[in-house]
């Protein structure tokens, strides 16, 4: 069995360094315009710096591109994906099927509401390496997914409560506040 990974949010380069200092194996971060972390203090330069720093200490970075993309977002998405590919980001966290990047590992965001092994299989068949389960998935449902999923599909789940009013992480209250 694969060792569990401790993954922490990083709303800035400094927060990523602190997460690593306190034992995180990986961080996830994204720019305010392409992730659902609207208050993130990360731009493309910070994202690149975080990835390079993480790799220099043997850690990982997953870039959140988990917006539901409008056609007008794709020019910026393509630019960021190119940069992420060049600096060897460890994975992209996506919730929109249009954001799948051919050369980068894909983790399907909790925003995609994966709450069944059927949904997990759909994303696996479309190139996902990992699915991040919906936060409302029960222990029994998680066991059913784990029993029926493809053997090499990784499954991630939140182990803390959401700090927002949400359905599967769609944070309406925190966005409002």
Protein backbone atom coordinates (compact mmCIF):
# COMPACT_ATOMS: atom_id res chain seq x y z
CA UNK A 1 0.00 0.00 0.00
CA UNK A 2 1.23 3.46 -0.91
CA UNK A 3 2.20 5.81 1.94
CA UNK A 4 -0.41 8.52 2.58
CA UNK A 5 0.54 11.99 1.40
CA UNK A 6 0.01 15.06 3.56
CA UNK A 7 -1.20 17.79 1.21
CA UNK A 8 -1.71 21.37 2.41
CA UNK A 9 -3.03 24.56 0.80
CA UNK A 10 -0.58 27.32 -0.05
CA UNK A 11 -2.06 30.73 -0.76
CA UNK A 12 1.41 32.22 -1.29
CA UNK A 13 5.05 31.20 -1.69
CA UNK A 14 5.68 31.95 2.00
CA UNK A 15 2.72 29.79 3.06
CA UNK A 16 4.07 26.94 0.92
CA UNK A 17 7.44 27.16 2.68
CA UNK A 18 5.70 27.03 6.08
CA UNK A 19 3.59 24.03 5.02
CA UNK A 20 6.75 22.18 3.97
CA UNK A 21 8.54 23.19 7.17
CA UNK A 22 5.72 21.59 9.20
CA UNK A 23 5.73 18.32 7.30
CA UNK A 24 3.60 18.67 4.18
CA UNK A 25 4.65 16.30 1.42
CA UNK A 26 2.97 18.50 -1.18
CA UNK A 27 1.02 21.73 -1.50
CA UNK A 28 -1.70 22.88 -3.82
CA UNK A 29 -1.93 26.45 -5.03
CA UNK A 30 -3.28 28.40 -7.93
CA UNK A 31 -3.69 31.88 -9.25
CA UNK A 32 -6.77 33.86 -8.27
CA UNK A 33 -7.97 34.01 -11.88
CA UNK A 34 -7.73 30.28 -12.70
CA UNK A 35 -8.43 28.59 -9.38
CA UNK A 36 -11.31 28.83 -6.97
CA UNK A 37 -8.95 30.35 -4.41
CA UNK A 38 -10.05 33.90 -5.22
CA UNK A 39 -7.95 35.46 -2.44
CA UNK A 40 -4.77 33.61 -3.38
CA UNK A 41 -1.64 35.75 -3.38
CA UNK A 42 -0.15 33.68 -6.20
CA UNK A 43 0.64 34.80 -9.72
CA UNK A 44 2.42 32.82 -12.43
CA UNK A 45 5.84 33.90 -11.12
CA UNK A 46 5.00 32.79 -7.56
CA UNK A 47 3.64 29.52 -8.89
CA UNK A 48 6.88 28.86 -10.77
CA UNK A 49 9.01 29.86 -7.75
CA UNK A 50 6.97 27.57 -5.46
CA UNK A 51 7.39 24.61 -7.82
CA UNK A 52 11.15 25.13 -8.16
CA UNK A 53 11.56 25.50 -4.39
CA UNK A 54 9.45 22.41 -3.64
CA UNK A 55 11.41 20.29 -6.08
CA UNK A 56 14.71 21.51 -4.60
CA UNK A 57 13.68 20.00 -1.22
CA UNK A 58 12.06 16.84 -2.62
CA UNK A 59 8.44 18.01 -2.27
CA UNK A 60 5.55 18.32 -4.75
CA UNK A 61 3.24 21.05 -6.01
CA UNK A 62 -0.19 20.55 -7.53
CA UNK A 63 -1.47 23.56 -9.45
CA UNK A 64 -5.16 24.29 -9.01
CA UNK A 65 -6.77 25.16 -12.33
CA UNK A 66 -10.14 24.21 -10.96
CA UNK A 67 -12.32 27.00 -12.32
CA UNK A 68 -15.27 26.19 -14.52
CA UNK A 69 -13.74 27.70 -17.61
CA UNK A 70 -15.51 29.96 -20.04
CA UNK A 71 -14.21 30.10 -23.60
CA UNK A 72 -12.64 33.45 -22.73
CA UNK A 73 -10.42 31.76 -20.10
CA UNK A 74 -8.63 29.38 -22.45
CA UNK A 75 -5.94 31.73 -23.72
CA UNK A 76 -4.79 32.29 -20.12
CA UNK A 77 -5.20 28.58 -19.29
CA UNK A 78 -3.06 27.54 -22.26
CA UNK A 79 -0.35 30.03 -21.28
CA UNK A 80 -0.30 28.79 -17.69
CA UNK A 81 -0.35 25.10 -18.68
CA UNK A 82 2.65 25.72 -20.97
CA UNK A 83 4.56 27.32 -18.10
CA UNK A 84 3.53 24.53 -15.69
CA UNK A 85 4.72 21.92 -18.18
CA UNK A 86 8.07 23.70 -18.60
CA UNK A 87 8.72 23.80 -14.82
CA UNK A 88 7.45 20.23 -14.34
CA UNK A 89 4.53 20.81 -11.99
CA UNK A 90 3.64 17.50 -10.36
CA UNK A 91 -0.04 17.65 -11.34
CA UNK A 92 -2.91 19.93 -12.26
CA UNK A 93 -6.05 19.86 -10.14
CA UNK A 94 -8.98 20.35 -12.54
CA UNK A 95 -12.74 20.27 -12.24
CA UNK A 96 -13.60 21.15 -15.84
CA UNK A 97 -12.99 18.53 -18.53
CA UNK A 98 -11.75 21.26 -20.87
CA UNK A 99 -8.76 21.94 -18.64
CA UNK A 100 -7.18 18.51 -19.10
CA UNK A 101 -3.51 18.93 -20.09
CA UNK A 102 -1.99 16.14 -22.20
CA UNK A 103 1.55 16.21 -20.73
CA UNK A 104 0.72 16.82 -17.06
CA UNK A 105 -0.76 14.44 -14.51
CA UNK A 106 -4.40 15.28 -13.76
CA UNK A 107 -6.06 15.19 -10.35
CA UNK A 108 -9.81 15.70 -10.49
CA UNK A 109 -10.91 18.36 -8.02
CA UNK A 110 -13.48 17.90 -5.29
CA UNK A 111 -15.44 20.49 -7.29
CA UNK A 112 -16.23 17.74 -9.82
CA UNK A 113 -18.34 15.93 -7.17
CA UNK A 114 -16.80 12.48 -7.48
CA UNK A 115 -18.99 10.53 -5.05
CA UNK A 116 -19.20 7.14 -6.80
CA UNK A 117 -16.91 4.62 -8.39
CA UNK A 118 -18.77 5.21 -11.67
CA UNK A 119 -17.69 8.87 -11.68
CA UNK A 120 -14.16 7.85 -10.65
CA UNK A 121 -14.06 5.44 -13.60
CA UNK A 122 -15.22 8.16 -15.99
CA UNK A 123 -12.37 10.45 -14.96
CA UNK A 124 -9.86 7.58 -14.97
CA UNK A 125 -10.94 6.63 -18.50
CA UNK A 126 -10.35 10.27 -19.48
CA UNK A 127 -6.81 10.38 -18.17
CA UNK A 128 -7.06 11.24 -14.47
CA UNK A 129 -4.40 9.77 -12.19
CA UNK A 130 -6.22 10.83 -8.98
CA UNK A 131 -9.73 11.80 -7.96
CA UNK A 132 -10.43 14.01 -4.97
CA UNK A 133 -13.69 12.81 -3.49
CA UNK A 134 -16.60 15.10 -2.75
CA UNK A 135 -16.49 16.22 0.87
CA UNK A 136 -19.95 14.85 1.57
CA UNK A 137 -18.93 11.27 0.72
CA UNK A 138 -19.62 8.97 3.70
CA UNK A 139 -17.26 6.33 5.11
CA UNK A 140 -19.41 3.57 3.56
CA UNK A 141 -19.39 5.31 0.17
CA UNK A 142 -15.60 5.74 0.35
CA UNK A 143 -15.20 2.03 1.09
CA UNK A 144 -17.40 1.17 -1.91
CA UNK A 145 -15.36 3.45 -4.19
CA UNK A 146 -12.08 1.97 -2.92
CA UNK A 147 -13.35 -1.59 -3.43
CA UNK A 148 -14.49 -0.95 -7.03
CA UNK A 149 -12.03 1.62 -8.42
CA UNK A 150 -9.28 0.87 -10.91
CA UNK A 151 -6.25 -0.43 -9.04
CA UNK A 152 -3.88 2.36 -10.08
CA UNK A 153 -6.36 5.23 -9.58
CA UNK A 154 -5.33 7.31 -6.57
CA UNK A 155 -8.05 8.58 -4.26
CA UNK A 156 -7.71 11.73 -2.16
CA UNK A 157 -10.08 12.92 0.51
CA UNK A 158 -10.28 15.87 2.86
CA UNK A 159 -9.56 15.00 6.49
CA UNK A 160 -10.70 18.34 7.89
CA UNK A 161 -13.92 20.28 7.86
CA UNK A 162 -14.63 22.85 5.24
CA UNK A 163 -14.23 26.45 6.32
CA UNK A 164 -17.01 27.48 4.04
CA UNK A 165 -20.66 26.97 3.30
CA UNK A 166 -20.37 24.56 0.47
CA UNK A 167 -21.52 21.67 -1.60
CA UNK A 168 -18.41 19.63 -2.38
CA UNK A 169 -16.16 22.59 -1.73
CA UNK A 170 -18.12 25.15 -3.73
CA UNK A 171 -17.44 27.84 -1.17
CA UNK A 172 -20.22 30.40 -1.37
CA UNK A 173 -19.93 31.83 2.14
CA UNK A 174 -16.17 32.33 2.15
CA UNK A 175 -16.36 33.95 -1.30
CA UNK A 176 -19.03 36.33 0.01
CA UNK A 177 -17.07 37.17 3.17
